[in-house]
Amino acid sequence: MQTAGGTRPYAWTLPVRARVASKLRVDLRGDVSFVGWDIVCLGRPSSAEPFEEGVFDRRLSVWRDDLPLWVDHALFEGGGTVLVGENPGAVSTTMV
């Protein structure tokens, strides 16, 4: 995902029954800076297709000189308690 100007942004939209594992590790050296934003849309609520089945397992970490600065793990299971309520169209965002 490298371009001449650096890494390009992207967003995920997971279909209703997706089974996805995503692992992103950012390795920094010295005093280099990093800003990243991860956006995931679970299901397609505008099409009346909530994320009722499937699994999204996301792991995201930032390391500097082989030492962890930030480690995050999120597990979304379709139909789970995190994804229900008045507006079950779930979007997960993380900015580092």
PDB file of N, CA and C in Angstrom:
ATOM      1  N   MET A   1       0.809  -1.198   0.000  1.00  0.00           N
ATOM      2  CA  MET A   1       0.000   0.000   0.000  1.00  0.00           C
ATOM      3  C   MET A   1       0.849   1.256   0.000  1.00  0.00           C
ATOM      4  N   GLN A   2       2.075   1.186  -0.441  1.00  0.00           N
ATOM      5  CA  GLN A   2       2.930   2.371  -0.482  1.00  0.00           C
ATOM      6  C   GLN A   2       2.759   3.099  -1.810  1.00  0.00           C
ATOM      7  N   THR A   3       2.730   4.406  -1.747  1.00  0.00           N
ATOM      8  CA  THR A   3       2.706   5.240  -2.933  1.00  0.00           C
ATOM      9  C   THR A   3       3.854   6.232  -2.827  1.00  0.00           C
ATOM     10  N   ALA A   4       4.067   7.020  -3.858  1.00  0.00           N
ATOM     11  CA  ALA A   4       5.161   8.001  -3.824  1.00  0.00           C
ATOM     12  C   ALA A   4       5.001   8.975  -2.667  1.00  0.00           C
ATOM     13  N   GLY A   5       3.766   9.274  -2.290  1.00  0.00           N
ATOM     14  CA  GLY A   5       3.514  10.215  -1.207  1.00  0.00           C
ATOM     15  C   GLY A   5       3.368   9.557   0.142  1.00  0.00           C
ATOM     16  N   GLY A   6       3.606   8.257   0.254  1.00  0.00           N
ATOM     17  CA  GLY A   6       3.442   7.544   1.516  1.00  0.00           C
ATOM     18  C   GLY A   6       2.345   6.505   1.399  1.00  0.00           C
ATOM     19  N   THR A   7       1.782   6.136   2.516  1.00  0.00           N
ATOM     20  CA  THR A   7       0.735   5.117   2.535  1.00  0.00           C
ATOM     21  C   THR A   7      -0.604   5.758   2.250  1.00  0.00           C
ATOM     22  N   ARG A   8      -1.376   5.176   1.377  1.00  0.00           N
ATOM     23  CA  ARG A   8      -2.681   5.745   1.044  1.00  0.00           C
ATOM     24  C   ARG A   8      -3.750   5.237   2.010  1.00  0.00           C
ATOM     25  N   PRO A   9      -4.748   6.047   2.277  1.00  0.00           N
ATOM     26  CA  PRO A   9      -5.815   5.637   3.196  1.00  0.00           C
ATOM     27  C   PRO A   9      -6.780   4.663   2.532  1.00  0.00           C
ATOM     28  N   TYR A  10      -7.432   3.863   3.354  1.00  0.00           N
ATOM     29  CA  TYR A  10      -8.470   2.979   2.858  1.00  0.00           C
ATOM     30  C   TYR A  10      -9.444   2.701   3.993  1.00  0.00           C
ATOM     31  N   ALA A  11     -10.630   2.266   3.649  1.00  0.00           N
ATOM     32  CA  ALA A  11     -11.650   1.925   4.648  1.00  0.00           C
ATOM     33  C   ALA A  11     -12.225   0.559   4.292  1.00  0.00           C
ATOM     34  N   TRP A  12     -12.692  -0.142   5.286  1.00  0.00           N
ATOM     35  CA  TRP A  12     -13.293  -1.456   5.096  1.00  0.00           C
ATOM     36  C   TRP A  12     -14.805  -1.348   5.208  1.00  0.00           C
ATOM     37  N   THR A  13     -15.524  -2.078   4.371  1.00  0.00           N
ATOM     38  CA  THR A  13     -16.943  -2.326   4.571  1.00  0.00           C
ATOM     39  C   THR A  13     -17.102  -3.832   4.555  1.00  0.00           C
ATOM     40  N   LEU A  14     -17.502  -4.403   5.693  1.00  0.00           N
ATOM     41  CA  LEU A  14     -17.596  -5.852   5.792  1.00  0.00           C
ATOM     42  C   LEU A  14     -19.009  -6.327   5.469  1.00  0.00           C
ATOM     43  N   PRO A  15     -19.147  -7.243   4.515  1.00  0.00           N
ATOM     44  CA  PRO A  15     -20.461  -7.813   4.223  1.00  0.00           C
ATOM     45  C   PRO A  15     -21.032  -8.509   5.447  1.00  0.00           C
ATOM     46  N   VAL A  16     -22.293  -8.834   5.367  1.00  0.00           N
ATOM     47  CA  VAL A  16     -23.051  -9.330   6.514  1.00  0.00           C
ATOM     48  C   VAL A  16     -22.460 -10.597   7.138  1.00  0.00           C
ATOM     49  N   ARG A  17     -21.992 -11.545   6.377  1.00  0.00           N
ATOM     50  CA  ARG A  17     -21.502 -12.813   6.925  1.00  0.00           C
ATOM     51  C   ARG A  17     -19.981 -12.963   6.822  1.00  0.00           C
ATOM     52  N   ALA A  18     -19.261 -11.888   6.742  1.00  0.00           N
ATOM     53  CA  ALA A  18     -17.799 -11.930   6.568  1.00  0.00           C
ATOM     54  C   ALA A  18     -17.120 -12.563   7.776  1.00  0.00           C
ATOM     55  N   ARG A  19     -16.024 -13.238   7.500  1.00  0.00           N
ATOM     56  CA  ARG A  19     -15.148 -13.772   8.542  1.00  0.00           C
ATOM     57  C   ARG A  19     -13.754 -13.255   8.201  1.00  0.00           C
ATOM     58  N   VAL A  20     -13.344 -12.192   8.900  1.00  0.00           N
ATOM     59  CA  VAL A  20     -12.117 -11.476   8.529  1.00  0.00           C
ATOM     60  C   VAL A  20     -11.186 -11.353   9.730  1.00  0.00           C
ATOM     61  N   ALA A  21      -9.901 -11.573   9.478  1.00  0.00           N
ATOM     62  CA  ALA A  21      -8.861 -11.294  10.466  1.00  0.00           C
ATOM     63  C   ALA A  21      -7.915 -10.274   9.825  1.00  0.00           C
ATOM     64  N   SER A  22      -7.710  -9.158  10.505  1.00  0.00           N
ATOM     65  CA  SER A  22      -6.857  -8.089   9.988  1.00  0.00           C
ATOM     66  C   SER A  22      -5.760  -7.813  11.013  1.00  0.00           C
ATOM     67  N   LYS A  23      -4.528  -7.792  10.550  1.00  0.00           N
ATOM     68  CA  LYS A  23      -3.406  -7.508  11.447  1.00  0.00           C
ATOM     69  C   LYS A  23      -2.521  -6.462  10.779  1.00  0.00           C
ATOM     70  N   LEU A  24      -2.348  -5.337  11.454  1.00  0.00           N
ATOM     71  CA  LEU A  24      -1.493  -4.271  10.946  1.00  0.00           C
ATOM     72  C   LEU A  24      -0.467  -3.915  12.019  1.00  0.00           C
ATOM     73  N   ARG A  25       0.785  -3.966  11.650  1.00  0.00           N
ATOM     74  CA  ARG A  25       1.870  -3.579  12.548  1.00  0.00           C
ATOM     75  C   ARG A  25       2.650  -2.475  11.867  1.00  0.00           C
ATOM     76  N   VAL A  26       2.816  -1.359  12.565  1.00  0.00           N
ATOM     77  CA  VAL A  26       3.581  -0.220  12.067  1.00  0.00           C
ATOM     78  C   VAL A  26       4.897  -0.195  12.832  1.00  0.00           C
ATOM     79  N   ASP A  27       6.004  -0.245  12.112  1.00  0.00           N
ATOM     80  CA  ASP A  27       7.327  -0.216  12.728  1.00  0.00           C
ATOM     81  C   ASP A  27       7.989   1.136  12.452  1.00  0.00           C
ATOM     82  N   LEU A  28       8.326   1.832  13.523  1.00  0.00           N
ATOM     83  CA  LEU A  28       8.974   3.143  13.420  1.00  0.00           C
ATOM     84  C   LEU A  28      10.423   3.027  13.876  1.00  0.00           C
ATOM     85  N   ARG A  29      11.270   3.865  13.328  1.00  0.00           N
ATOM     86  CA  ARG A  29      12.678   3.919  13.732  1.00  0.00           C
ATOM     87  C   ARG A  29      13.026   5.353  14.113  1.00  0.00           C
ATOM     88  N   GLY A  30      13.808   5.504  15.168  1.00  0.00           N
ATOM     89  CA  GLY A  30      14.265   6.831  15.588  1.00  0.00           C
ATOM     90  C   GLY A  30      13.110   7.729  15.988  1.00  0.00           C
ATOM     91  N   ASP A  31      13.137   8.987  15.499  1.00  0.00           N
ATOM     92  CA  ASP A  31      12.115   9.966  15.892  1.00  0.00           C
ATOM     93  C   ASP A  31      11.032  10.157  14.823  1.00  0.00           C
ATOM     94  N   VAL A  32      10.833   9.168  13.975  1.00  0.00           N
ATOM     95  CA  VAL A  32       9.806   9.235  12.931  1.00  0.00           C
ATOM     96  C   VAL A  32       8.417   9.302  13.573  1.00  0.00           C
ATOM     97  N   SER A  33       7.528  10.106  12.988  1.00  0.00           N
ATOM     98  CA  SER A  33       6.155  10.235  13.481  1.00  0.00           C
ATOM     99  C   SER A  33       5.212   9.402  12.627  1.00  0.00           C
ATOM    100  N   PHE A  34       4.064   9.058  13.201  1.00  0.00           N
ATOM    101  CA  PHE A  34       3.044   8.294  12.487  1.00  0.00           C
ATOM    102  C   PHE A  34       1.664   8.768  12.922  1.00  0.00           C
ATOM    103  N   VAL A  35       0.776   8.951  11.955  1.00  0.00           N
ATOM    104  CA  VAL A  35      -0.636   9.193  12.222  1.00  0.00           C
ATOM    105  C   VAL A  35      -1.413   8.228  11.346  1.00  0.00           C
ATOM    106  N   GLY A  36      -2.298   7.468  11.948  1.00  0.00           N
ATOM    107  CA  GLY A  36      -3.085   6.503  11.188  1.00  0.00           C
ATOM    108  C   GLY A  36      -4.520   6.488  11.656  1.00  0.00           C
ATOM    109  N   TRP A  37      -5.424   6.117  10.752  1.00  0.00           N
ATOM    110  CA  TRP A  37      -6.842   6.068  11.066  1.00  0.00           C
ATOM    111  C   TRP A  37      -7.411   4.814  10.427  1.00  0.00           C
ATOM    112  N   ASP A  38      -8.025   3.964  11.228  1.00  0.00           N
ATOM    113  CA  ASP A  38      -8.626   2.721  10.758  1.00  0.00           C
ATOM    114  C   ASP A  38     -10.143   2.852  10.879  1.00  0.00           C
ATOM    115  N   ILE A  39     -10.853   2.662   9.783  1.00  0.00           N
ATOM    116  CA  ILE A  39     -12.310   2.778   9.779  1.00  0.00           C
ATOM    117  C   ILE A  39     -12.898   1.481   9.239  1.00  0.00           C
ATOM    118  N   VAL A  40     -13.832   0.893   9.968  1.00  0.00           N
ATOM    119  CA  VAL A  40     -14.485  -0.342   9.533  1.00  0.00           C
ATOM    120  C   VAL A  40     -15.994  -0.183   9.686  1.00  0.00           C
ATOM    121  N   CYS A  41     -16.723  -0.459   8.618  1.00  0.00           N
ATOM    122  CA  CYS A  41     -18.190  -0.456   8.647  1.00  0.00           C
ATOM    123  C   CYS A  41     -18.652  -1.907   8.691  1.00  0.00           C
ATOM    124  N   LEU A  42     -19.442  -2.238   9.685  1.00  0.00           N
ATOM    125  CA  LEU A  42     -19.897  -3.611   9.872  1.00  0.00           C
ATOM    126  C   LEU A  42     -21.313  -3.769   9.332  1.00  0.00           C
ATOM    127  N   GLY A  43     -21.460  -4.579   8.297  1.00  0.00           N
ATOM    128  CA  GLY A  43     -22.753  -4.774   7.664  1.00  0.00           C
ATOM    129  C   GLY A  43     -23.078  -3.632   6.709  1.00  0.00           C
ATOM    130  N   ARG A  44     -24.314  -3.644   6.214  1.00  0.00           N
ATOM    131  CA  ARG A  44     -24.796  -2.594   5.316  1.00  0.00           C
ATOM    132  C   ARG A  44     -26.168  -2.131   5.800  1.00  0.00           C
ATOM    133  N   PRO A  45     -26.209  -1.309   6.843  1.00  0.00           N
ATOM    134  CA  PRO A  45     -27.490  -0.916   7.436  1.00  0.00           C
ATOM    135  C   PRO A  45     -28.393  -0.147   6.485  1.00  0.00           C
ATOM    136  N   SER A  46     -27.841   0.605   5.541  1.00  0.00           N
ATOM    137  CA  SER A  46     -28.700   1.342   4.609  1.00  0.00           C
ATOM    138  C   SER A  46     -29.432   0.398   3.659  1.00  0.00           C
ATOM    139  N   SER A  47     -28.950  -0.833   3.552  1.00  0.00           N
ATOM    140  CA  SER A  47     -29.627  -1.862   2.757  1.00  0.00           C
ATOM    141  C   SER A  47     -30.370  -2.841   3.655  1.00  0.00           C
ATOM    142  N   ALA A  48     -30.573  -2.451   4.909  1.00  0.00           N
ATOM    143  CA  ALA A  48     -31.254  -3.299   5.905  1.00  0.00           C
ATOM    144  C   ALA A  48     -30.526  -4.631   6.086  1.00  0.00           C
ATOM    145  N   GLU A  49     -29.189  -4.592   6.059  1.00  0.00           N
ATOM    146  CA  GLU A  49     -28.368  -5.783   6.267  1.00  0.00           C
ATOM    147  C   GLU A  49     -27.386  -5.549   7.403  1.00  0.00           C
ATOM    148  N   PRO A  50     -27.848  -5.654   8.662  1.00  0.00           N
ATOM    149  CA  PRO A  50     -26.932  -5.465   9.794  1.00  0.00           C
ATOM    150  C   PRO A  50     -25.943  -6.627   9.889  1.00  0.00           C
ATOM    151  N   PHE A  51     -24.874  -6.415  10.615  1.00  0.00           N
ATOM    152  CA  PHE A  51     -23.830  -7.430  10.797  1.00  0.00           C
ATOM    153  C   PHE A  51     -24.300  -8.425  11.856  1.00  0.00           C
ATOM    154  N   GLU A  52     -25.209  -9.312  11.472  1.00  0.00           N
ATOM    155  CA  GLU A  52     -25.802 -10.270  12.418  1.00  0.00           C
ATOM    156  C   GLU A  52     -25.042 -11.589  12.474  1.00  0.00           C
ATOM    157  N   GLU A  53     -24.249 -11.874  11.460  1.00  0.00           N
ATOM    158  CA  GLU A  53     -23.434 -13.088  11.426  1.00  0.00           C
ATOM    159  C   GLU A  53     -22.026 -12.696  10.998  1.00  0.00           C
ATOM    160  N   GLY A  54     -21.077 -13.540  11.283  1.00  0.00           N
ATOM    161  CA  GLY A  54     -19.703 -13.273  10.877  1.00  0.00           C
ATOM    162  C   GLY A  54     -18.847 -12.793  12.032  1.00  0.00           C
ATOM    163  N   VAL A  55     -17.566 -12.593  11.728  1.00  0.00           N
ATOM    164  CA  VAL A  55     -16.586 -12.195  12.742  1.00  0.00           C
ATOM    165  C   VAL A  55     -15.575 -11.249  12.101  1.00  0.00           C
ATOM    166  N   PHE A  56     -15.214 -10.200  12.829  1.00  0.00           N
ATOM    167  CA  PHE A  56     -14.121  -9.318  12.418  1.00  0.00           C
ATOM    168  C   PHE A  56     -13.139  -9.229  13.578  1.00  0.00           C
ATOM    169  N   ASP A  57     -11.943  -9.747  13.359  1.00  0.00           N
ATOM    170  CA  ASP A  57     -10.892  -9.773  14.370  1.00  0.00           C
ATOM    171  C   ASP A  57      -9.790  -8.826  13.904  1.00  0.00           C
ATOM    172  N   ARG A  58      -9.636  -7.686  14.595  1.00  0.00           N
ATOM    173  CA  ARG A  58      -8.682  -6.659  14.181  1.00  0.00           C
ATOM    174  C   ARG A  58      -7.586  -6.499  15.225  1.00  0.00           C
ATOM    175  N   ARG A  59      -6.347  -6.524  14.750  1.00  0.00           N
ATOM    176  CA  ARG A  59      -5.185  -6.285  15.607  1.00  0.00           C
ATOM    177  C   ARG A  59      -4.355  -5.170  14.965  1.00  0.00           C
ATOM    178  N   LEU A  60      -4.058  -4.173  15.760  1.00  0.00           N
ATOM    179  CA  LEU A  60      -3.332  -3.008  15.267  1.00  0.00           C
ATOM    180  C   LEU A  60      -2.273  -2.642  16.308  1.00  0.00           C
ATOM    181  N   SER A  61      -1.033  -2.482  15.867  1.00  0.00           N
ATOM    182  CA  SER A  61       0.026  -2.135  16.818  1.00  0.00           C
ATOM    183  C   SER A  61       1.031  -1.176  16.182  1.00  0.00           C
ATOM    184  N   VAL A  62       1.629  -0.353  17.037  1.00  0.00           N
ATOM    185  CA  VAL A  62       2.665   0.592  16.618  1.00  0.00           C
ATOM    186  C   VAL A  62       3.894   0.317  17.487  1.00  0.00           C
ATOM    187  N   TRP A  63       5.024   0.143  16.838  1.00  0.00           N
ATOM    188  CA  TRP A  63       6.281  -0.185  17.512  1.00  0.00           C
ATOM    189  C   TRP A  63       7.334   0.854  17.142  1.00  0.00           C
ATOM    190  N   ARG A  64       8.206   1.172  18.092  1.00  0.00           N
ATOM    191  CA  ARG A  64       9.346   2.050  17.807  1.00  0.00           C
ATOM    192  C   ARG A  64      10.611   1.337  18.257  1.00  0.00           C
ATOM    193  N   ASP A  65      11.544   1.167  17.335  1.00  0.00           N
ATOM    194  CA  ASP A  65      12.815   0.505  17.627  1.00  0.00           C
ATOM    195  C   ASP A  65      12.589  -0.835  18.344  1.00  0.00           C
ATOM    196  N   ASP A  66      11.639  -1.620  17.808  1.00  0.00           N
ATOM    197  CA  ASP A  66      11.300  -2.966  18.295  1.00  0.00           C
ATOM    198  C   ASP A  66      10.666  -3.004  19.690  1.00  0.00           C
ATOM    199  N   LEU A  67      10.163  -1.861  20.178  1.00  0.00           N
ATOM    200  CA  LEU A  67       9.440  -1.820  21.448  1.00  0.00           C
ATOM    201  C   LEU A  67       8.003  -1.381  21.178  1.00  0.00           C
ATOM    202  N   PRO A  68       7.012  -2.039  21.794  1.00  0.00           N
ATOM    203  CA  PRO A  68       5.615  -1.666  21.538  1.00  0.00           C
ATOM    204  C   PRO A  68       5.259  -0.316  22.154  1.00  0.00           C
ATOM    205  N   LEU A  69       4.666   0.576  21.337  1.00  0.00           N
ATOM    206  CA  LEU A  69       4.142   1.851  21.833  1.00  0.00           C
ATOM    207  C   LEU A  69       2.653   1.742  22.097  1.00  0.00           C
ATOM    208  N   TRP A  70       1.962   1.007  21.224  1.00  0.00           N
ATOM    209  CA  TRP A  70       0.507   0.907  21.316  1.00  0.00           C
ATOM    210  C   TRP A  70       0.067  -0.404  20.682  1.00  0.00           C
ATOM    211  N   VAL A  71      -0.756  -1.169  21.387  1.00  0.00           N
ATOM    212  CA  VAL A  71      -1.257  -2.446  20.885  1.00  0.00           C
ATOM    213  C   VAL A  71      -2.754  -2.481  21.150  1.00  0.00           C
ATOM    214  N   ASP A  72      -3.520  -2.773  20.104  1.00  0.00           N
ATOM    215  CA  ASP A  72      -4.990  -2.799  20.224  1.00  0.00           C
ATOM    216  C   ASP A  72      -5.524  -4.061  19.564  1.00  0.00           C
ATOM    217  N   HIS A  73      -6.492  -4.676  20.210  1.00  0.00           N
ATOM    218  CA  HIS A  73      -7.160  -5.852  19.661  1.00  0.00           C
ATOM    219  C   HIS A  73      -8.658  -5.674  19.846  1.00  0.00           C
ATOM    220  N   ALA A  74      -9.398  -5.785  18.758  1.00  0.00           N
ATOM    221  CA  ALA A  74     -10.865  -5.688  18.817  1.00  0.00           C
ATOM    222  C   ALA A  74     -11.450  -6.904  18.118  1.00  0.00           C
ATOM    223  N   LEU A  75     -12.432  -7.519  18.755  1.00  0.00           N
ATOM    224  CA  LEU A  75     -13.122  -8.669  18.179  1.00  0.00           C
ATOM    225  C   LEU A  75     -14.606  -8.354  18.125  1.00  0.00           C
ATOM    226  N   PHE A  76     -15.149  -8.282  16.911  1.00  0.00           N
ATOM    227  CA  PHE A  76     -16.574  -8.022  16.716  1.00  0.00           C
ATOM    228  C   PHE A  76     -17.223  -9.285  16.186  1.00  0.00           C
ATOM    229  N   GLU A  77     -18.228  -9.773  16.900  1.00  0.00           N
ATOM    230  CA  GLU A  77     -18.965 -10.955  16.462  1.00  0.00           C
ATOM    231  C   GLU A  77     -20.356 -10.524  16.051  1.00  0.00           C
ATOM    232  N   GLY A  78     -20.759 -10.922  14.848  1.00  0.00           N
ATOM    233  CA  GLY A  78     -22.078 -10.565  14.350  1.00  0.00           C
ATOM    234  C   GLY A  78     -23.172 -10.964  15.324  1.00  0.00           C
ATOM    235  N   GLY A  79     -24.094 -10.050  15.575  1.00  0.00           N
ATOM    236  CA  GLY A  79     -25.179 -10.307  16.510  1.00  0.00           C
ATOM    237  C   GLY A  79     -24.780 -10.200  17.967  1.00  0.00           C
ATOM    238  N   GLY A  80     -23.503  -9.884  18.234  1.00  0.00           N
ATOM    239  CA  GLY A  80     -23.029  -9.749  19.613  1.00  0.00           C
ATOM    240  C   GLY A  80     -23.607  -8.511  20.277  1.00  0.00           C
ATOM    241  N   THR A  81     -23.469  -8.432  21.588  1.00  0.00           N
ATOM    242  CA  THR A  81     -24.086  -7.339  22.349  1.00  0.00           C
ATOM    243  C   THR A  81     -23.534  -5.970  21.985  1.00  0.00           C
ATOM    244  N   VAL A  82     -22.315  -5.895  21.460  1.00  0.00           N
ATOM    245  CA  VAL A  82     -21.746  -4.604  21.072  1.00  0.00           C
ATOM    246  C   VAL A  82     -22.459  -4.050  19.837  1.00  0.00           C
ATOM    247  N   LEU A  83     -23.024  -4.930  19.021  1.00  0.00           N
ATOM    248  CA  LEU A  83     -23.581  -4.528  17.732  1.00  0.00           C
ATOM    249  C   LEU A  83     -25.100  -4.462  17.712  1.00  0.00           C
ATOM    250  N   VAL A  84     -25.749  -4.415  18.848  1.00  0.00           N
ATOM    251  CA  VAL A  84     -27.205  -4.315  18.874  1.00  0.00           C
ATOM    252  C   VAL A  84     -27.604  -3.022  19.569  1.00  0.00           C
ATOM    253  N   GLY A  85     -28.837  -2.644  19.412  1.00  0.00           N
ATOM    254  CA  GLY A  85     -29.332  -1.422  20.028  1.00  0.00           C
ATOM    255  C   GLY A  85     -30.257  -0.701  19.079  1.00  0.00           C
ATOM    256  N   GLU A  86     -30.479   0.585  19.341  1.00  0.00           N
ATOM    257  CA  GLU A  86     -31.381   1.358  18.502  1.00  0.00           C
ATOM    258  C   GLU A  86     -30.851   1.535  17.087  1.00  0.00           C
ATOM    259  N   ASN A  87     -29.535   1.615  16.933  1.00  0.00           N
ATOM    260  CA  ASN A  87     -28.924   1.790  15.623  1.00  0.00           C
ATOM    261  C   ASN A  87     -27.831   0.747  15.445  1.00  0.00           C
ATOM    262  N   PRO A  88     -28.192  -0.466  14.974  1.00  0.00           N
ATOM    263  CA  PRO A  88     -27.202  -1.535  14.885  1.00  0.00           C
ATOM    264  C   PRO A  88     -26.229  -1.406  13.723  1.00  0.00           C
ATOM    265  N   GLY A  89     -26.256  -0.320  12.964  1.00  0.00           N
ATOM    266  CA  GLY A  89     -25.280  -0.099  11.901  1.00  0.00           C
ATOM    267  C   GLY A  89     -23.966   0.323  12.514  1.00  0.00           C
ATOM    268  N   ALA A  90     -23.094  -0.625  12.787  1.00  0.00           N
ATOM    269  CA  ALA A  90     -21.890  -0.350  13.561  1.00  0.00           C
ATOM    270  C   ALA A  90     -20.728   0.123  12.700  1.00  0.00           C
ATOM    271  N   VAL A  91     -20.025   1.124  13.195  1.00  0.00           N
ATOM    272  CA  VAL A  91     -18.801   1.617  12.587  1.00  0.00           C
ATOM    273  C   VAL A  91     -17.754   1.664  13.695  1.00  0.00           C
ATOM    274  N   SER A  92     -16.596   1.093  13.414  1.00  0.00           N
ATOM    275  CA  SER A  92     -15.484   1.132  14.367  1.00  0.00           C
ATOM    276  C   SER A  92     -14.400   2.021  13.780  1.00  0.00           C
ATOM    277  N   THR A  93     -13.929   2.982  14.564  1.00  0.00           N
ATOM    278  CA  THR A  93     -12.830   3.835  14.120  1.00  0.00           C
ATOM    279  C   THR A  93     -11.745   3.881  15.184  1.00  0.00           C
ATOM    280  N   THR A  94     -10.523   3.921  14.737  1.00  0.00           N
ATOM    281  CA  THR A  94      -9.382   4.057  15.627  1.00  0.00           C
ATOM    282  C   THR A  94      -8.414   5.036  14.987  1.00  0.00           C
ATOM    283  N   MET A  95      -7.977   6.013  15.753  1.00  0.00           N
ATOM    284  CA  MET A  95      -6.969   6.943  15.254  1.00  0.00           C
ATOM    285  C   MET A  95      -5.763   6.904  16.193  1.00  0.00           C
ATOM    286  N   VAL A  96      -4.590   6.741  15.608  1.00  0.00           N
ATOM    287  CA  VAL A  96      -3.354   6.663  16.374  1.00  0.00           C
ATOM    288  C   VAL A  96      -2.455   7.785  15.918  1.00  0.00           C
TER     289      VAL A  96
END
